[in-house]
Amino acid sequence: MKIDIALLEMCEGIYMLKGWEKSCGANREYGYALASDMKIMFE
């Protein structure tokens, strides 16, 4: 996850796939994006 968060820091937004709510990693990414005021798109 450390690498994943480091890569997220370089992004302007994220795209959440169906079922992301069931993934611990995707939830962490979503929380990071929310806290960083990133654009969040959903499938």
C-alpha atoms as a PDB file:
ATOM      1  CA  MET A   1       0.000   0.000   0.000  1.00  0.00           C
ATOM      2  CA  LYS A   2       2.919   2.393   0.538  1.00  0.00           C
ATOM      3  CA  ILE A   3       3.729   2.288  -3.171  1.00  0.00           C
ATOM      4  CA  ASP A   4       0.040   2.628  -4.045  1.00  0.00           C
ATOM      5  CA  ILE A   5      -0.344   5.767  -1.927  1.00  0.00           C
ATOM      6  CA  ALA A   6       2.874   7.209  -3.374  1.00  0.00           C
ATOM      7  CA  LEU A   7       1.441   6.705  -6.878  1.00  0.00           C
ATOM      8  CA  LEU A   8      -1.876   8.263  -5.853  1.00  0.00           C
ATOM      9  CA  GLU A   9      -0.001  11.398  -4.820  1.00  0.00           C
ATOM     10  CA  MET A  10       0.828  11.921  -8.511  1.00  0.00           C
ATOM     11  CA  CYS A  11      -2.803  11.673  -9.656  1.00  0.00           C
ATOM     12  CA  GLU A  12      -5.508  14.285 -10.079  1.00  0.00           C
ATOM     13  CA  GLY A  13      -8.323  11.792  -9.616  1.00  0.00           C
ATOM     14  CA  ILE A  14      -9.295   8.154  -9.256  1.00  0.00           C
ATOM     15  CA  TYR A  15     -11.835   5.835 -10.875  1.00  0.00           C
ATOM     16  CA  MET A  16     -13.645   3.460  -8.536  1.00  0.00           C
ATOM     17  CA  LEU A  17     -14.693   0.121 -10.044  1.00  0.00           C
ATOM     18  CA  LYS A  18     -17.879  -1.740  -9.148  1.00  0.00           C
ATOM     19  CA  GLY A  19     -17.500  -3.575  -5.857  1.00  0.00           C
ATOM     20  CA  TRP A  20     -14.793  -1.245  -4.521  1.00  0.00           C
ATOM     21  CA  GLU A  21     -16.664  -1.043  -1.225  1.00  0.00           C
ATOM     22  CA  LYS A  22     -15.664  -4.647  -0.458  1.00  0.00           C
ATOM     23  CA  SER A  23     -11.937  -4.003  -0.917  1.00  0.00           C
ATOM     24  CA  CYS A  24      -9.831  -2.775   2.011  1.00  0.00           C
ATOM     25  CA  GLY A  25      -7.261  -1.316  -0.388  1.00  0.00           C
ATOM     26  CA  ALA A  26      -9.850   0.477  -2.508  1.00  0.00           C
ATOM     27  CA  ASN A  27     -11.437   1.917   0.623  1.00  0.00           C
ATOM     28  CA  ARG A  28      -8.072   3.249   1.693  1.00  0.00           C
ATOM     29  CA  GLU A  29      -7.528   4.789  -1.749  1.00  0.00           C
ATOM     30  CA  TYR A  30     -10.991   6.334  -1.618  1.00  0.00           C
ATOM     31  CA  GLY A  31     -10.295   7.828   1.814  1.00  0.00           C
ATOM     32  CA  TYR A  32      -6.991   9.236   0.597  1.00  0.00           C
ATOM     33  CA  ALA A  33      -8.663  10.754  -2.461  1.00  0.00           C
ATOM     34  CA  LEU A  34     -11.398  12.294  -0.331  1.00  0.00           C
ATOM     35  CA  ALA A  35      -8.906  13.779   2.111  1.00  0.00           C
ATOM     36  CA  SER A  36      -6.777  15.094  -0.774  1.00  0.00           C
ATOM     37  CA  ASP A  37      -9.767  16.686  -2.540  1.00  0.00           C
ATOM     38  CA  MET A  38      -9.135  14.581  -5.658  1.00  0.00           C
ATOM     39  CA  LYS A  39     -11.718  14.027  -8.379  1.00  0.00           C
ATOM     40  CA  ILE A  40     -13.462  10.683  -7.746  1.00  0.00           C
ATOM     41  CA  MET A  41     -15.302   8.934 -10.582  1.00  0.00           C
ATOM     42  CA  PHE A  42     -17.416   5.813 -10.250  1.00  0.00           C
ATOM     43  CA  GLU A  43     -18.131   2.980 -12.679  1.00  0.00           C
END
